[in-house]
Amino acid sequence: MLSYKFRIYPPKTIQAKLLEQLELCRWLYNRLLYKLNKAKEEGRKLRPKDTQALIVQLKQEKPELKRGLF
């Protein structure tokens, strides 16, 4: 099996934007995971439609999620 590694060296401005996006993804993932675990403890099951609705609610809570990457 062949594998390749390509290193990229983006400018500082792009690095900052990428870091910001990664932080938003991390925040969203952790928040959804918390909601899923809480629902599980309460004996409820969340469907994919429910989690999509949660994302819409979280966008209202954290407007940075509405912005695009660039």
C-alpha atoms as a PDB file:
ATOM      1  CA  MET A   1       0.000   0.000   0.000  1.00  0.00           C
ATOM      2  CA  LEU A   2       1.331   3.390  -0.987  1.00  0.00           C
ATOM      3  CA  SER A   3       0.697   6.503   0.988  1.00  0.00           C
ATOM      4  CA  TYR A   4       1.760  10.038   0.424  1.00  0.00           C
ATOM      5  CA  LYS A   5       2.139  12.980   2.747  1.00  0.00           C
ATOM      6  CA  PHE A   6       1.820  16.500   1.501  1.00  0.00           C
ATOM      7  CA  ARG A   7       2.677  19.353   3.781  1.00  0.00           C
ATOM      8  CA  ILE A   8       1.023  22.662   3.305  1.00  0.00           C
ATOM      9  CA  TYR A   9       2.201  25.963   4.650  1.00  0.00           C
ATOM     10  CA  PRO A  10      -0.688  28.402   4.399  1.00  0.00           C
ATOM     11  CA  PRO A  11      -0.240  32.082   5.223  1.00  0.00           C
ATOM     12  CA  LYS A  12      -0.952  33.237   8.787  1.00  0.00           C
ATOM     13  CA  THR A  13      -4.359  34.659   7.817  1.00  0.00           C
ATOM     14  CA  ILE A  14      -5.490  31.342   6.356  1.00  0.00           C
ATOM     15  CA  GLN A  15      -4.083  29.479   9.364  1.00  0.00           C
ATOM     16  CA  ALA A  16      -6.166  31.662  11.668  1.00  0.00           C
ATOM     17  CA  LYS A  17      -9.338  31.037   9.655  1.00  0.00           C
ATOM     18  CA  LEU A  18      -8.709  27.285   9.574  1.00  0.00           C
ATOM     19  CA  LEU A  19      -8.118  27.243  13.320  1.00  0.00           C
ATOM     20  CA  GLU A  20     -11.334  29.180  13.879  1.00  0.00           C
ATOM     21  CA  GLN A  21     -13.270  26.670  11.752  1.00  0.00           C
ATOM     22  CA  LEU A  22     -11.741  23.726  13.602  1.00  0.00           C
ATOM     23  CA  GLU A  23     -12.707  25.291  16.927  1.00  0.00           C
ATOM     24  CA  LEU A  24     -16.294  25.772  15.726  1.00  0.00           C
ATOM     25  CA  CYS A  25     -16.452  22.158  14.535  1.00  0.00           C
ATOM     26  CA  ARG A  26     -15.074  20.966  17.864  1.00  0.00           C
ATOM     27  CA  TRP A  27     -17.605  23.063  19.777  1.00  0.00           C
ATOM     28  CA  LEU A  28     -20.509  21.817  17.643  1.00  0.00           C
ATOM     29  CA  TYR A  29     -19.428  18.169  17.926  1.00  0.00           C
ATOM     30  CA  ASN A  30     -19.065  18.366  21.699  1.00  0.00           C
ATOM     31  CA  ARG A  31     -22.391  20.151  22.096  1.00  0.00           C
ATOM     32  CA  LEU A  32     -24.234  17.573  19.971  1.00  0.00           C
ATOM     33  CA  LEU A  33     -22.524  14.746  21.821  1.00  0.00           C
ATOM     34  CA  TYR A  34     -23.674  16.262  25.120  1.00  0.00           C
ATOM     35  CA  LYS A  35     -27.264  16.504  23.846  1.00  0.00           C
ATOM     36  CA  LEU A  36     -27.198  12.914  22.574  1.00  0.00           C
ATOM     37  CA  ASN A  37     -25.851  11.596  25.881  1.00  0.00           C
ATOM     38  CA  LYS A  38     -28.409  13.600  27.826  1.00  0.00           C
ATOM     39  CA  ALA A  39     -31.241  12.224  25.692  1.00  0.00           C
ATOM     40  CA  LYS A  40     -29.890   8.693  26.173  1.00  0.00           C
ATOM     41  CA  GLU A  41     -29.858   9.144  29.965  1.00  0.00           C
ATOM     42  CA  GLU A  42     -33.478  10.314  29.810  1.00  0.00           C
ATOM     43  CA  GLY A  43     -34.424   7.252  27.770  1.00  0.00           C
ATOM     44  CA  ARG A  44     -35.121   9.180  24.578  1.00  0.00           C
ATOM     45  CA  LYS A  45     -33.765   8.446  21.128  1.00  0.00           C
ATOM     46  CA  LEU A  46     -32.746  11.261  18.848  1.00  0.00           C
ATOM     47  CA  ARG A  47     -33.313  10.731  15.155  1.00  0.00           C
ATOM     48  CA  PRO A  48     -31.145  12.389  12.515  1.00  0.00           C
ATOM     49  CA  LYS A  49     -33.969  14.868  11.957  1.00  0.00           C
ATOM     50  CA  ASP A  50     -33.801  15.813  15.656  1.00  0.00           C
ATOM     51  CA  THR A  51     -30.054  16.413  15.527  1.00  0.00           C
ATOM     52  CA  GLN A  52     -30.469  18.570  12.419  1.00  0.00           C
ATOM     53  CA  ALA A  53     -33.027  20.644  14.318  1.00  0.00           C
ATOM     54  CA  LEU A  54     -30.508  20.948  17.164  1.00  0.00           C
ATOM     55  CA  ILE A  55     -27.947  22.333  14.742  1.00  0.00           C
ATOM     56  CA  VAL A  56     -30.420  25.020  13.671  1.00  0.00           C
ATOM     57  CA  GLN A  57     -30.989  25.925  17.330  1.00  0.00           C
ATOM     58  CA  LEU A  58     -27.259  26.022  17.990  1.00  0.00           C
ATOM     59  CA  LYS A  59     -26.772  28.359  15.020  1.00  0.00           C
ATOM     60  CA  GLN A  60     -29.084  30.806  16.751  1.00  0.00           C
ATOM     61  CA  GLU A  61     -27.083  30.424  19.957  1.00  0.00           C
ATOM     62  CA  LYS A  62     -23.718  30.803  18.210  1.00  0.00           C
ATOM     63  CA  PRO A  63     -24.029  32.973  15.058  1.00  0.00           C
ATOM     64  CA  GLU A  64     -20.440  32.192  14.030  1.00  0.00           C
ATOM     65  CA  LEU A  65     -21.733  28.831  12.772  1.00  0.00           C
ATOM     66  CA  LYS A  66     -23.673  30.631  10.020  1.00  0.00           C
ATOM     67  CA  ARG A  67     -20.584  32.080   8.384  1.00  0.00           C
ATOM     68  CA  GLY A  68     -18.696  30.304   5.631  1.00  0.00           C
ATOM     69  CA  LEU A  69     -15.014  29.463   5.724  1.00  0.00           C
ATOM     70  CA  PHE A  70     -13.764  32.232   3.441  1.00  0.00           C
END
